[in-house]
Amino acid sequence: MSVDTDRLISFFILWGTPAVFSIVEYFKLSKTEKNKAIRDLISLKSIVTTGFILTGGVIASLGRLLSLLPLQVIGTFILAMGGIVGAIEAWKVKRKNSIVILVLIVSMIALTFII
């Protein structure tokens, strides 16, 4: 288990930057907006789609960073599950969006194993 410096920097840029921006924006919200944001984030739909995609992406990236193939495969599986559920949810609203989601998830999975 070795950590490559380039992968470490990429990991922190890829996951740290959006996390910091999200936290900063959260603190700018009013109390009612914060409550609504929390309620939206803990909804089942949000957890199964966005939550699985983000969790799977982080785990897969962490597996790549630490050179642990099982961790990378588990993260990719969770990422794929979230992408499939997200595409199904988008299919109900607009079919074109579901295809875009599937293409993005496949690209993200491919990049997880390449980068």
PDB file of N, CA and C in Angstrom:
ATOM      1  N   MET A   1       0.853  -1.174   0.000  1.00  0.00           N
ATOM      2  CA  MET A   1       0.000   0.000   0.000  1.00  0.00           C
ATOM      3  C   MET A   1       0.898   1.236   0.000  1.00  0.00           C
ATOM      4  N   SER A   2       1.050   1.819  -1.170  1.00  0.00           N
ATOM      5  CA  SER A   2       1.863   3.015  -1.291  1.00  0.00           C
ATOM      6  C   SER A   2       0.999   4.169  -1.783  1.00  0.00           C
ATOM      7  N   VAL A   3       1.386   5.364  -1.385  1.00  0.00           N
ATOM      8  CA  VAL A   3       0.633   6.551  -1.780  1.00  0.00           C
ATOM      9  C   VAL A   3       1.497   7.372  -2.724  1.00  0.00           C
ATOM     10  N   ASP A   4       1.007   7.582  -3.926  1.00  0.00           N
ATOM     11  CA  ASP A   4       1.693   8.387  -4.918  1.00  0.00           C
ATOM     12  C   ASP A   4       1.322   9.853  -4.695  1.00  0.00           C
ATOM     13  N   THR A   5       2.309  10.734  -4.710  1.00  0.00           N
ATOM     14  CA  THR A   5       2.070  12.153  -4.435  1.00  0.00           C
ATOM     15  C   THR A   5       1.117  12.775  -5.458  1.00  0.00           C
ATOM     16  N   ASP A   6       1.283  12.432  -6.725  1.00  0.00           N
ATOM     17  CA  ASP A   6       0.398  12.986  -7.761  1.00  0.00           C
ATOM     18  C   ASP A   6      -1.049  12.575  -7.529  1.00  0.00           C
ATOM     19  N   ARG A   7      -1.249  11.324  -7.154  1.00  0.00           N
ATOM     20  CA  ARG A   7      -2.608  10.852  -6.881  1.00  0.00           C
ATOM     21  C   ARG A   7      -3.181  11.524  -5.637  1.00  0.00           C
ATOM     22  N   LEU A   8      -2.341  11.762  -4.653  1.00  0.00           N
ATOM     23  CA  LEU A   8      -2.793  12.415  -3.425  1.00  0.00           C
ATOM     24  C   LEU A   8      -3.259  13.841  -3.714  1.00  0.00           C
ATOM     25  N   ILE A   9      -2.483  14.565  -4.502  1.00  0.00           N
ATOM     26  CA  ILE A   9      -2.859  15.935  -4.861  1.00  0.00           C
ATOM     27  C   ILE A   9      -4.148  15.933  -5.681  1.00  0.00           C
ATOM     28  N   SER A  10      -4.247  15.019  -6.640  1.00  0.00           N
ATOM     29  CA  SER A  10      -5.467  14.916  -7.449  1.00  0.00           C
ATOM     30  C   SER A  10      -6.678  14.590  -6.586  1.00  0.00           C
ATOM     31  N   PHE A  11      -6.491  13.700  -5.607  1.00  0.00           N
ATOM     32  CA  PHE A  11      -7.586  13.317  -4.714  1.00  0.00           C
ATOM     33  C   PHE A  11      -8.091  14.521  -3.929  1.00  0.00           C
ATOM     34  N   PHE A  12      -7.169  15.302  -3.358  1.00  0.00           N
ATOM     35  CA  PHE A  12      -7.588  16.459  -2.570  1.00  0.00           C
ATOM     36  C   PHE A  12      -8.206  17.550  -3.434  1.00  0.00           C
ATOM     37  N   ILE A  13      -7.719  17.731  -4.644  1.00  0.00           N
ATOM     38  CA  ILE A  13      -8.325  18.723  -5.530  1.00  0.00           C
ATOM     39  C   ILE A  13      -9.710  18.259  -5.968  1.00  0.00           C
ATOM     40  N   LEU A  14      -9.816  16.983  -6.355  1.00  0.00           N
ATOM     41  CA  LEU A  14     -11.078  16.443  -6.863  1.00  0.00           C
ATOM     42  C   LEU A  14     -12.172  16.431  -5.809  1.00  0.00           C
ATOM     43  N   TRP A  15     -11.847  16.055  -4.581  1.00  0.00           N
ATOM     44  CA  TRP A  15     -12.870  15.914  -3.544  1.00  0.00           C
ATOM     45  C   TRP A  15     -12.845  17.042  -2.517  1.00  0.00           C
ATOM     46  N   GLY A  16     -11.710  17.662  -2.297  1.00  0.00           N
ATOM     47  CA  GLY A  16     -11.617  18.723  -1.302  1.00  0.00           C
ATOM     48  C   GLY A  16     -12.233  20.033  -1.742  1.00  0.00           C
ATOM     49  N   THR A  17     -11.997  20.396  -2.990  1.00  0.00           N
ATOM     50  CA  THR A  17     -12.513  21.665  -3.498  1.00  0.00           C
ATOM     51  C   THR A  17     -14.042  21.730  -3.450  1.00  0.00           C
ATOM     52  N   PRO A  18     -14.761  20.749  -4.004  1.00  0.00           N
ATOM     53  CA  PRO A  18     -16.228  20.822  -3.905  1.00  0.00           C
ATOM     54  C   PRO A  18     -16.730  20.751  -2.467  1.00  0.00           C
ATOM     55  N   ALA A  19     -16.038  19.989  -1.626  1.00  0.00           N
ATOM     56  CA  ALA A  19     -16.462  19.885  -0.224  1.00  0.00           C
ATOM     57  C   ALA A  19     -16.344  21.236   0.477  1.00  0.00           C
ATOM     58  N   VAL A  20     -15.233  21.924   0.272  1.00  0.00           N
ATOM     59  CA  VAL A  20     -15.035  23.232   0.904  1.00  0.00           C
ATOM     60  C   VAL A  20     -16.064  24.235   0.393  1.00  0.00           C
ATOM     61  N   PHE A  21     -16.282  24.264  -0.922  1.00  0.00           N
ATOM     62  CA  PHE A  21     -17.265  25.193  -1.481  1.00  0.00           C
ATOM     63  C   PHE A  21     -18.668  24.896  -0.965  1.00  0.00           C
ATOM     64  N   SER A  22     -19.009  23.622  -0.843  1.00  0.00           N
ATOM     65  CA  SER A  22     -20.336  23.252  -0.330  1.00  0.00           C
ATOM     66  C   SER A  22     -20.513  23.697   1.114  1.00  0.00           C
ATOM     67  N   ILE A  23     -19.495  23.510   1.925  1.00  0.00           N
ATOM     68  CA  ILE A  23     -19.569  23.911   3.335  1.00  0.00           C
ATOM     69  C   ILE A  23     -19.696  25.427   3.456  1.00  0.00           C
ATOM     70  N   VAL A  24     -18.913  26.156   2.669  1.00  0.00           N
ATOM     71  CA  VAL A  24     -18.985  27.621   2.701  1.00  0.00           C
ATOM     72  C   VAL A  24     -20.377  28.097   2.294  1.00  0.00           C
ATOM     73  N   GLU A  25     -20.926  27.525   1.226  1.00  0.00           N
ATOM     74  CA  GLU A  25     -22.269  27.916   0.784  1.00  0.00           C
ATOM     75  C   GLU A  25     -23.333  27.533   1.805  1.00  0.00           C
ATOM     76  N   TYR A  26     -23.153  26.411   2.489  1.00  0.00           N
ATOM     77  CA  TYR A  26     -24.117  25.992   3.507  1.00  0.00           C
ATOM     78  C   TYR A  26     -24.182  27.024   4.632  1.00  0.00           C
ATOM     79  N   PHE A  27     -23.028  27.529   5.056  1.00  0.00           N
ATOM     80  CA  PHE A  27     -23.024  28.507   6.145  1.00  0.00           C
ATOM     81  C   PHE A  27     -23.596  29.857   5.725  1.00  0.00           C
ATOM     82  N   LYS A  28     -23.690  30.121   4.437  1.00  0.00           N
ATOM     83  CA  LYS A  28     -24.283  31.363   3.950  1.00  0.00           C
ATOM     84  C   LYS A  28     -25.814  31.308   3.934  1.00  0.00           C
ATOM     85  N   LEU A  29     -26.390  30.110   4.042  1.00  0.00           N
ATOM     86  CA  LEU A  29     -27.843  29.961   3.978  1.00  0.00           C
ATOM     87  C   LEU A  29     -28.516  30.468   5.248  1.00  0.00           C
ATOM     88  N   SER A  30     -29.778  30.863   5.105  1.00  0.00           N
ATOM     89  CA  SER A  30     -30.563  31.234   6.284  1.00  0.00           C
ATOM     90  C   SER A  30     -30.967  29.959   7.023  1.00  0.00           C
ATOM     91  N   LYS A  31     -31.509  30.129   8.224  1.00  0.00           N
ATOM     92  CA  LYS A  31     -31.874  28.970   9.044  1.00  0.00           C
ATOM     93  C   LYS A  31     -32.917  28.086   8.353  1.00  0.00           C
ATOM     94  N   THR A  32     -33.918  28.700   7.730  1.00  0.00           N
ATOM     95  CA  THR A  32     -34.945  27.898   7.050  1.00  0.00           C
ATOM     96  C   THR A  32     -34.370  27.183   5.824  1.00  0.00           C
ATOM     97  N   GLU A  33     -33.480  27.863   5.106  1.00  0.00           N
ATOM     98  CA  GLU A  33     -32.847  27.225   3.949  1.00  0.00           C
ATOM     99  C   GLU A  33     -31.944  26.070   4.380  1.00  0.00           C
ATOM    100  N   LYS A  34     -31.269  26.230   5.528  1.00  0.00           N
ATOM    101  CA  LYS A  34     -30.432  25.141   6.049  1.00  0.00           C
ATOM    102  C   LYS A  34     -31.283  23.925   6.396  1.00  0.00           C
ATOM    103  N   ASN A  35     -32.423  24.167   7.047  1.00  0.00           N
ATOM    104  CA  ASN A  35     -33.317  23.060   7.394  1.00  0.00           C
ATOM    105  C   ASN A  35     -33.843  22.357   6.146  1.00  0.00           C
ATOM    106  N   LYS A  36     -34.193  23.132   5.125  1.00  0.00           N
ATOM    107  CA  LYS A  36     -34.681  22.549   3.878  1.00  0.00           C
ATOM    108  C   LYS A  36     -33.572  21.752   3.189  1.00  0.00           C
ATOM    109  N   ALA A  37     -32.353  22.275   3.201  1.00  0.00           N
ATOM    110  CA  ALA A  37     -31.227  21.569   2.579  1.00  0.00           C
ATOM    111  C   ALA A  37     -30.952  20.246   3.290  1.00  0.00           C
ATOM    112  N   ILE A  38     -30.981  20.259   4.610  1.00  0.00           N
ATOM    113  CA  ILE A  38     -30.765  19.027   5.374  1.00  0.00           C
ATOM    114  C   ILE A  38     -31.878  18.029   5.099  1.00  0.00           C
ATOM    115  N   ARG A  39     -33.119  18.500   5.062  1.00  0.00           N
ATOM    116  CA  ARG A  39     -34.253  17.619   4.787  1.00  0.00           C
ATOM    117  C   ARG A  39     -34.120  16.988   3.397  1.00  0.00           C
ATOM    118  N   ASP A  40     -33.668  17.778   2.418  1.00  0.00           N
ATOM    119  CA  ASP A  40     -33.471  17.241   1.070  1.00  0.00           C
ATOM    120  C   ASP A  40     -32.335  16.220   1.033  1.00  0.00           C
ATOM    121  N   LEU A  41     -31.262  16.488   1.765  1.00  0.00           N
ATOM    122  CA  LEU A  41     -30.106  15.589   1.749  1.00  0.00           C
ATOM    123  C   LEU A  41     -30.358  14.257   2.439  1.00  0.00           C
ATOM    124  N   ILE A  42     -31.246  14.248   3.431  1.00  0.00           N
ATOM    125  CA  ILE A  42     -31.503  12.989   4.133  1.00  0.00           C
ATOM    126  C   ILE A  42     -32.712  12.242   3.575  1.00  0.00           C
ATOM    127  N   SER A  43     -33.244  12.725   2.461  1.00  0.00           N
ATOM    128  CA  SER A  43     -34.349  11.993   1.832  1.00  0.00           C
ATOM    129  C   SER A  43     -33.798  10.721   1.181  1.00  0.00           C
ATOM    130  N   LEU A  44     -34.632   9.716   1.093  1.00  0.00           N
ATOM    131  CA  LEU A  44     -34.219   8.427   0.536  1.00  0.00           C
ATOM    132  C   LEU A  44     -33.737   8.570  -0.907  1.00  0.00           C
ATOM    133  N   LYS A  45     -34.438   9.364  -1.690  1.00  0.00           N
ATOM    134  CA  LYS A  45     -34.062   9.562  -3.094  1.00  0.00           C
ATOM    135  C   LYS A  45     -32.660  10.163  -3.210  1.00  0.00           C
ATOM    136  N   SER A  46     -32.363  11.151  -2.383  1.00  0.00           N
ATOM    137  CA  SER A  46     -31.058  11.793  -2.413  1.00  0.00           C
ATOM    138  C   SER A  46     -29.953  10.844  -1.958  1.00  0.00           C
ATOM    139  N   ILE A  47     -30.227  10.065  -0.934  1.00  0.00           N
ATOM    140  CA  ILE A  47     -29.222   9.131  -0.422  1.00  0.00           C
ATOM    141  C   ILE A  47     -28.910   8.057  -1.455  1.00  0.00           C
ATOM    142  N   VAL A  48     -29.947   7.502  -2.075  1.00  0.00           N
ATOM    143  CA  VAL A  48     -29.750   6.393  -3.011  1.00  0.00           C
ATOM    144  C   VAL A  48     -29.117   6.857  -4.323  1.00  0.00           C
ATOM    145  N   THR A  49     -29.348   8.077  -4.740  1.00  0.00           N
ATOM    146  CA  THR A  49     -28.766   8.542  -5.995  1.00  0.00           C
ATOM    147  C   THR A  49     -27.466   9.304  -5.737  1.00  0.00           C
ATOM    148  N   THR A  50     -27.566  10.525  -5.298  1.00  0.00           N
ATOM    149  CA  THR A  50     -26.390  11.367  -5.098  1.00  0.00           C
ATOM    150  C   THR A  50     -25.459  10.804  -4.030  1.00  0.00           C
ATOM    151  N   GLY A  51     -26.031  10.303  -2.951  1.00  0.00           N
ATOM    152  CA  GLY A  51     -25.214   9.750  -1.872  1.00  0.00           C
ATOM    153  C   GLY A  51     -24.383   8.572  -2.324  1.00  0.00           C
ATOM    154  N   PHE A  52     -24.988   7.644  -3.063  1.00  0.00           N
ATOM    155  CA  PHE A  52     -24.248   6.484  -3.559  1.00  0.00           C
ATOM    156  C   PHE A  52     -23.189   6.900  -4.576  1.00  0.00           C
ATOM    157  N   ILE A  53     -23.528   7.847  -5.440  1.00  0.00           N
ATOM    158  CA  ILE A  53     -22.566   8.297  -6.447  1.00  0.00           C
ATOM    159  C   ILE A  53     -21.355   8.937  -5.773  1.00  0.00           C
ATOM    160  N   LEU A  54     -21.594   9.831  -4.827  1.00  0.00           N
ATOM    161  CA  LEU A  54     -20.482  10.495  -4.145  1.00  0.00           C
ATOM    162  C   LEU A  54     -19.682   9.529  -3.277  1.00  0.00           C
ATOM    163  N   THR A  55     -20.374   8.689  -2.513  1.00  0.00           N
ATOM    164  CA  THR A  55     -19.684   7.729  -1.655  1.00  0.00           C
ATOM    165  C   THR A  55     -18.865   6.751  -2.489  1.00  0.00           C
ATOM    166  N   GLY A  56     -19.465   6.230  -3.548  1.00  0.00           N
ATOM    167  CA  GLY A  56     -18.740   5.310  -4.423  1.00  0.00           C
ATOM    168  C   GLY A  56     -17.547   5.971  -5.084  1.00  0.00           C
ATOM    169  N   GLY A  57     -17.717   7.215  -5.508  1.00  0.00           N
ATOM    170  CA  GLY A  57     -16.604   7.943  -6.117  1.00  0.00           C
ATOM    171  C   GLY A  57     -15.457   8.167  -5.156  1.00  0.00           C
ATOM    172  N   VAL A  58     -15.775   8.542  -3.930  1.00  0.00           N
ATOM    173  CA  VAL A  58     -14.731   8.762  -2.923  1.00  0.00           C
ATOM    174  C   VAL A  58     -14.028   7.448  -2.592  1.00  0.00           C
ATOM    175  N   ILE A  59     -14.791   6.379  -2.390  1.00  0.00           N
ATOM    176  CA  ILE A  59     -14.188   5.084  -2.049  1.00  0.00           C
ATOM    177  C   ILE A  59     -13.320   4.578  -3.203  1.00  0.00           C
ATOM    178  N   ALA A  60     -13.811   4.697  -4.433  1.00  0.00           N
ATOM    179  CA  ALA A  60     -13.024   4.260  -5.590  1.00  0.00           C
ATOM    180  C   ALA A  60     -11.754   5.094  -5.736  1.00  0.00           C
ATOM    181  N   SER A  61     -11.855   6.394  -5.532  1.00  0.00           N
ATOM    182  CA  SER A  61     -10.673   7.257  -5.605  1.00  0.00           C
ATOM    183  C   SER A  61      -9.687   6.940  -4.490  1.00  0.00           C
ATOM    184  N   LEU A  62     -10.219   6.655  -3.311  1.00  0.00           N
ATOM    185  CA  LEU A  62      -9.363   6.286  -2.188  1.00  0.00           C
ATOM    186  C   LEU A  62      -8.668   4.952  -2.458  1.00  0.00           C
ATOM    187  N   GLY A  63      -9.387   4.007  -3.047  1.00  0.00           N
ATOM    188  CA  GLY A  63      -8.780   2.734  -3.430  1.00  0.00           C
ATOM    189  C   GLY A  63      -7.682   2.924  -4.452  1.00  0.00           C
ATOM    190  N   ARG A  64      -7.902   3.826  -5.388  1.00  0.00           N
ATOM    191  CA  ARG A  64      -6.874   4.139  -6.395  1.00  0.00           C
ATOM    192  C   ARG A  64      -5.681   4.823  -5.743  1.00  0.00           C
ATOM    193  N   LEU A  65      -5.949   5.734  -4.822  1.00  0.00           N
ATOM    194  CA  LEU A  65      -4.888   6.454  -4.122  1.00  0.00           C
ATOM    195  C   LEU A  65      -4.011   5.504  -3.316  1.00  0.00           C
ATOM    196  N   LEU A  66      -4.639   4.570  -2.615  1.00  0.00           N
ATOM    197  CA  LEU A  66      -3.912   3.639  -1.753  1.00  0.00           C
ATOM    198  C   LEU A  66      -3.481   2.366  -2.477  1.00  0.00           C
ATOM    199  N   SER A  67      -3.762   2.284  -3.769  1.00  0.00           N
ATOM    200  CA  SER A  67      -3.438   1.109  -4.587  1.00  0.00           C
ATOM    201  C   SER A  67      -4.070  -0.160  -4.034  1.00  0.00           C
ATOM    202  N   LEU A  68      -5.316  -0.061  -3.598  1.00  0.00           N
ATOM    203  CA  LEU A  68      -6.071  -1.203  -3.091  1.00  0.00           C
ATOM    204  C   LEU A  68      -7.186  -1.516  -4.083  1.00  0.00           C
ATOM    205  N   LEU A  69      -6.972  -2.526  -4.905  1.00  0.00           N
ATOM    206  CA  LEU A  69      -7.948  -2.869  -5.933  1.00  0.00           C
ATOM    207  C   LEU A  69      -9.308  -3.256  -5.360  1.00  0.00           C
ATOM    208  N   PRO A  70      -9.383  -4.042  -4.258  1.00  0.00           N
ATOM    209  CA  PRO A  70     -10.718  -4.369  -3.724  1.00  0.00           C
ATOM    210  C   PRO A  70     -11.519  -3.135  -3.311  1.00  0.00           C
ATOM    211  N   LEU A  71     -10.862  -2.164  -2.703  1.00  0.00           N
ATOM    212  CA  LEU A  71     -11.540  -0.932  -2.305  1.00  0.00           C
ATOM    213  C   LEU A  71     -12.015  -0.162  -3.536  1.00  0.00           C
ATOM    214  N   GLN A  72     -11.200  -0.164  -4.563  1.00  0.00           N
ATOM    215  CA  GLN A  72     -11.557   0.515  -5.803  1.00  0.00           C
ATOM    216  C   GLN A  72     -12.757  -0.163  -6.470  1.00  0.00           C
ATOM    217  N   VAL A  73     -12.790  -1.483  -6.459  1.00  0.00           N
ATOM    218  CA  VAL A  73     -13.903  -2.218  -7.072  1.00  0.00           C
ATOM    219  C   VAL A  73     -15.193  -2.004  -6.285  1.00  0.00           C
ATOM    220  N   ILE A  74     -15.112  -2.029  -4.954  1.00  0.00           N
ATOM    221  CA  ILE A  74     -16.290  -1.791  -4.113  1.00  0.00           C
ATOM    222  C   ILE A  74     -16.844  -0.388  -4.369  1.00  0.00           C
ATOM    223  N   GLY A  75     -15.955   0.601  -4.410  1.00  0.00           N
ATOM    224  CA  GLY A  75     -16.385   1.969  -4.685  1.00  0.00           C
ATOM    225  C   GLY A  75     -17.019   2.111  -6.057  1.00  0.00           C
ATOM    226  N   THR A  76     -16.447   1.435  -7.038  1.00  0.00           N
ATOM    227  CA  THR A  76     -17.001   1.481  -8.388  1.00  0.00           C
ATOM    228  C   THR A  76     -18.379   0.836  -8.433  1.00  0.00           C
ATOM    229  N   PHE A  77     -18.565  -0.258  -7.701  1.00  0.00           N
ATOM    230  CA  PHE A  77     -19.865  -0.926  -7.647  1.00  0.00           C
ATOM    231  C   PHE A  77     -20.919  -0.001  -7.028  1.00  0.00           C
ATOM    232  N   ILE A  78     -20.573   0.667  -5.925  1.00  0.00           N
ATOM    233  CA  ILE A  78     -21.510   1.599  -5.283  1.00  0.00           C
ATOM    234  C   ILE A  78     -21.815   2.768  -6.219  1.00  0.00           C
ATOM    235  N   LEU A  79     -20.789   3.260  -6.894  1.00  0.00           N
ATOM    236  CA  LEU A  79     -20.958   4.343  -7.863  1.00  0.00           C
ATOM    237  C   LEU A  79     -21.902   3.927  -8.987  1.00  0.00           C
ATOM    238  N   ALA A  80     -21.726   2.723  -9.500  1.00  0.00           N
ATOM    239  CA  ALA A  80     -22.587   2.230 -10.577  1.00  0.00           C
ATOM    240  C   ALA A  80     -24.031   2.077 -10.102  1.00  0.00           C
ATOM    241  N   MET A  81     -24.220   1.572  -8.881  1.00  0.00           N
ATOM    242  CA  MET A  81     -25.580   1.436  -8.344  1.00  0.00           C
ATOM    243  C   MET A  81     -26.263   2.795  -8.261  1.00  0.00           C
ATOM    244  N   GLY A  82     -25.559   3.789  -7.740  1.00  0.00           N
ATOM    245  CA  GLY A  82     -26.125   5.133  -7.647  1.00  0.00           C
ATOM    246  C   GLY A  82     -26.431   5.721  -9.011  1.00  0.00           C
ATOM    247  N   GLY A  83     -25.555   5.470  -9.975  1.00  0.00           N
ATOM    248  CA  GLY A  83     -25.787   5.970 -11.326  1.00  0.00           C
ATOM    249  C   GLY A  83     -26.984   5.332 -11.995  1.00  0.00           C
ATOM    250  N   ILE A  84     -27.136   4.027 -11.793  1.00  0.00           N
ATOM    251  CA  ILE A  84     -28.282   3.331 -12.384  1.00  0.00           C
ATOM    252  C   ILE A  84     -29.588   3.828 -11.769  1.00  0.00           C
ATOM    253  N   VAL A  85     -29.616   3.956 -10.448  1.00  0.00           N
ATOM    254  CA  VAL A  85     -30.828   4.453  -9.784  1.00  0.00           C
ATOM    255  C   VAL A  85     -31.109   5.896 -10.208  1.00  0.00           C
ATOM    256  N   GLY A  86     -30.054   6.707 -10.306  1.00  0.00           N
ATOM    257  CA  GLY A  86     -30.232   8.087 -10.762  1.00  0.00           C
ATOM    258  C   GLY A  86     -30.767   8.162 -12.182  1.00  0.00           C
ATOM    259  N   ALA A  87     -30.283   7.271 -13.052  1.00  0.00           N
ATOM    260  CA  ALA A  87     -30.772   7.245 -14.431  1.00  0.00           C
ATOM    261  C   ALA A  87     -32.233   6.812 -14.484  1.00  0.00           C
ATOM    262  N   ILE A  88     -32.604   5.849 -13.649  1.00  0.00           N
ATOM    263  CA  ILE A  88     -34.006   5.413 -13.603  1.00  0.00           C
ATOM    264  C   ILE A  88     -34.902   6.553 -13.121  1.00  0.00           C
ATOM    265  N   GLU A  89     -34.453   7.269 -12.088  1.00  0.00           N
ATOM    266  CA  GLU A  89     -35.234   8.410 -11.590  1.00  0.00           C
ATOM    267  C   GLU A  89     -35.356   9.495 -12.656  1.00  0.00           C
ATOM    268  N   ALA A  90     -34.266   9.757 -13.388  1.00  0.00           N
ATOM    269  CA  ALA A  90     -34.303  10.776 -14.435  1.00  0.00           C
ATOM    270  C   ALA A  90     -35.158  10.321 -15.613  1.00  0.00           C
ATOM    271  N   TRP A  91     -35.190   9.013 -15.868  1.00  0.00           N
ATOM    272  CA  TRP A  91     -35.990   8.472 -16.970  1.00  0.00           C
ATOM    273  C   TRP A  91     -37.465   8.803 -16.792  1.00  0.00           C
ATOM    274  N   LYS A  92     -37.912   8.818 -15.533  1.00  0.00           N
ATOM    275  CA  LYS A  92     -39.317   9.120 -15.243  1.00  0.00           C
ATOM    276  C   LYS A  92     -39.668  10.560 -15.626  1.00  0.00           C
ATOM    277  N   VAL A  93     -38.694  11.454 -15.514  1.00  0.00           N
ATOM    278  CA  VAL A  93     -38.935  12.870 -15.783  1.00  0.00           C
ATOM    279  C   VAL A  93     -38.614  13.213 -17.237  1.00  0.00           C
ATOM    280  N   LYS A  94     -37.386  12.885 -17.661  1.00  0.00           N
ATOM    281  CA  LYS A  94     -36.951  13.229 -19.014  1.00  0.00           C
ATOM    282  C   LYS A  94     -35.942  12.179 -19.480  1.00  0.00           C
ATOM    283  N   ARG A  95     -36.252  11.506 -20.555  1.00  0.00           N
ATOM    284  CA  ARG A  95     -35.429  10.389 -21.024  1.00  0.00           C
ATOM    285  C   ARG A  95     -34.023  10.827 -21.438  1.00  0.00           C
ATOM    286  N   LYS A  96     -33.894  12.003 -22.009  1.00  0.00           N
ATOM    287  CA  LYS A  96     -32.586  12.482 -22.461  1.00  0.00           C
ATOM    288  C   LYS A  96     -31.631  12.641 -21.277  1.00  0.00           C
ATOM    289  N   ASN A  97     -32.141  13.133 -20.160  1.00  0.00           N
ATOM    290  CA  ASN A  97     -31.303  13.306 -18.974  1.00  0.00           C
ATOM    291  C   ASN A  97     -30.781  11.977 -18.447  1.00  0.00           C
ATOM    292  N   SER A  98     -31.565  10.918 -18.550  1.00  0.00           N
ATOM    293  CA  SER A  98     -31.117   9.620 -18.056  1.00  0.00           C
ATOM    294  C   SER A  98     -29.945   9.100 -18.881  1.00  0.00           C
ATOM    295  N   ILE A  99     -29.965   9.352 -20.173  1.00  0.00           N
ATOM    296  CA  ILE A  99     -28.850   8.935 -21.027  1.00  0.00           C
ATOM    297  C   ILE A  99     -27.602   9.725 -20.674  1.00  0.00           C
ATOM    298  N   VAL A 100     -27.750  11.011 -20.426  1.00  0.00           N
ATOM    299  CA  VAL A 100     -26.616  11.845 -20.024  1.00  0.00           C
ATOM    300  C   VAL A 100     -26.031  11.344 -18.707  1.00  0.00           C
ATOM    301  N   ILE A 101     -26.882  10.995 -17.755  1.00  0.00           N
ATOM    302  CA  ILE A 101     -26.414  10.481 -16.466  1.00  0.00           C
ATOM    303  C   ILE A 101     -25.639   9.187 -16.660  1.00  0.00           C
ATOM    304  N   LEU A 102     -26.157   8.280 -17.473  1.00  0.00           N
ATOM    305  CA  LEU A 102     -25.456   7.017 -17.711  1.00  0.00           C
ATOM    306  C   LEU A 102     -24.099   7.242 -18.369  1.00  0.00           C
ATOM    307  N   VAL A 103     -24.022   8.155 -19.329  1.00  0.00           N
ATOM    308  CA  VAL A 103     -22.748   8.454 -19.988  1.00  0.00           C
ATOM    309  C   VAL A 103     -21.755   9.037 -18.984  1.00  0.00           C
ATOM    310  N   LEU A 104     -22.215   9.942 -18.130  1.00  0.00           N
ATOM    311  CA  LEU A 104     -21.329  10.529 -17.123  1.00  0.00           C
ATOM    312  C   LEU A 104     -20.840   9.489 -16.120  1.00  0.00           C
ATOM    313  N   ILE A 105     -21.711   8.584 -15.697  1.00  0.00           N
ATOM    314  CA  ILE A 105     -21.317   7.547 -14.740  1.00  0.00           C
ATOM    315  C   ILE A 105     -20.308   6.598 -15.366  1.00  0.00           C
ATOM    316  N   VAL A 106     -20.544   6.191 -16.605  1.00  0.00           N
ATOM    317  CA  VAL A 106     -19.592   5.308 -17.291  1.00  0.00           C
ATOM    318  C   VAL A 106     -18.249   6.015 -17.449  1.00  0.00           C
ATOM    319  N   SER A 107     -18.270   7.300 -17.778  1.00  0.00           N
ATOM    320  CA  SER A 107     -17.026   8.069 -17.889  1.00  0.00           C
ATOM    321  C   SER A 107     -16.315   8.157 -16.551  1.00  0.00           C
ATOM    322  N   MET A 108     -17.078   8.381 -15.487  1.00  0.00           N
ATOM    323  CA  MET A 108     -16.487   8.474 -14.151  1.00  0.00           C
ATOM    324  C   MET A 108     -15.861   7.145 -13.736  1.00  0.00           C
ATOM    325  N   ILE A 109     -16.526   6.041 -14.053  1.00  0.00           N
ATOM    326  CA  ILE A 109     -15.977   4.724 -13.733  1.00  0.00           C
ATOM    327  C   ILE A 109     -14.701   4.482 -14.533  1.00  0.00           C
ATOM    328  N   ALA A 110     -14.712   4.834 -15.809  1.00  0.00           N
ATOM    329  CA  ALA A 110     -13.520   4.655 -16.639  1.00  0.00           C
ATOM    330  C   ALA A 110     -12.364   5.498 -16.114  1.00  0.00           C
ATOM    331  N   LEU A 111     -12.641   6.736 -15.741  1.00  0.00           N
ATOM    332  CA  LEU A 111     -11.584   7.605 -15.220  1.00  0.00           C
ATOM    333  C   LEU A 111     -11.066   7.130 -13.869  1.00  0.00           C
ATOM    334  N   THR A 112     -11.918   6.478 -13.090  1.00  0.00           N
ATOM    335  CA  THR A 112     -11.489   5.956 -11.797  1.00  0.00           C
ATOM    336  C   THR A 112     -10.390   4.920 -11.980  1.00  0.00           C
ATOM    337  N   PHE A 113     -10.484   4.119 -13.012  1.00  0.00           N
ATOM    338  CA  PHE A 113      -9.483   3.088 -13.237  1.00  0.00           C
ATOM    339  C   PHE A 113      -8.284   3.593 -14.026  1.00  0.00           C
ATOM    340  N   ILE A 114      -8.422   4.727 -14.708  1.00  0.00           N
ATOM    341  CA  ILE A 114      -7.325   5.245 -15.523  1.00  0.00           C
ATOM    342  C   ILE A 114      -6.478   6.247 -14.754  1.00  0.00           C
ATOM    343  N   ILE A 115      -7.123   7.208 -14.098  1.00  0.00           N
ATOM    344  CA  ILE A 115      -6.378   8.289 -13.431  1.00  0.00           C
ATOM    345  C   ILE A 115      -5.822   7.808 -12.121  1.00  0.00           C
TER     346      ILE A 115
END
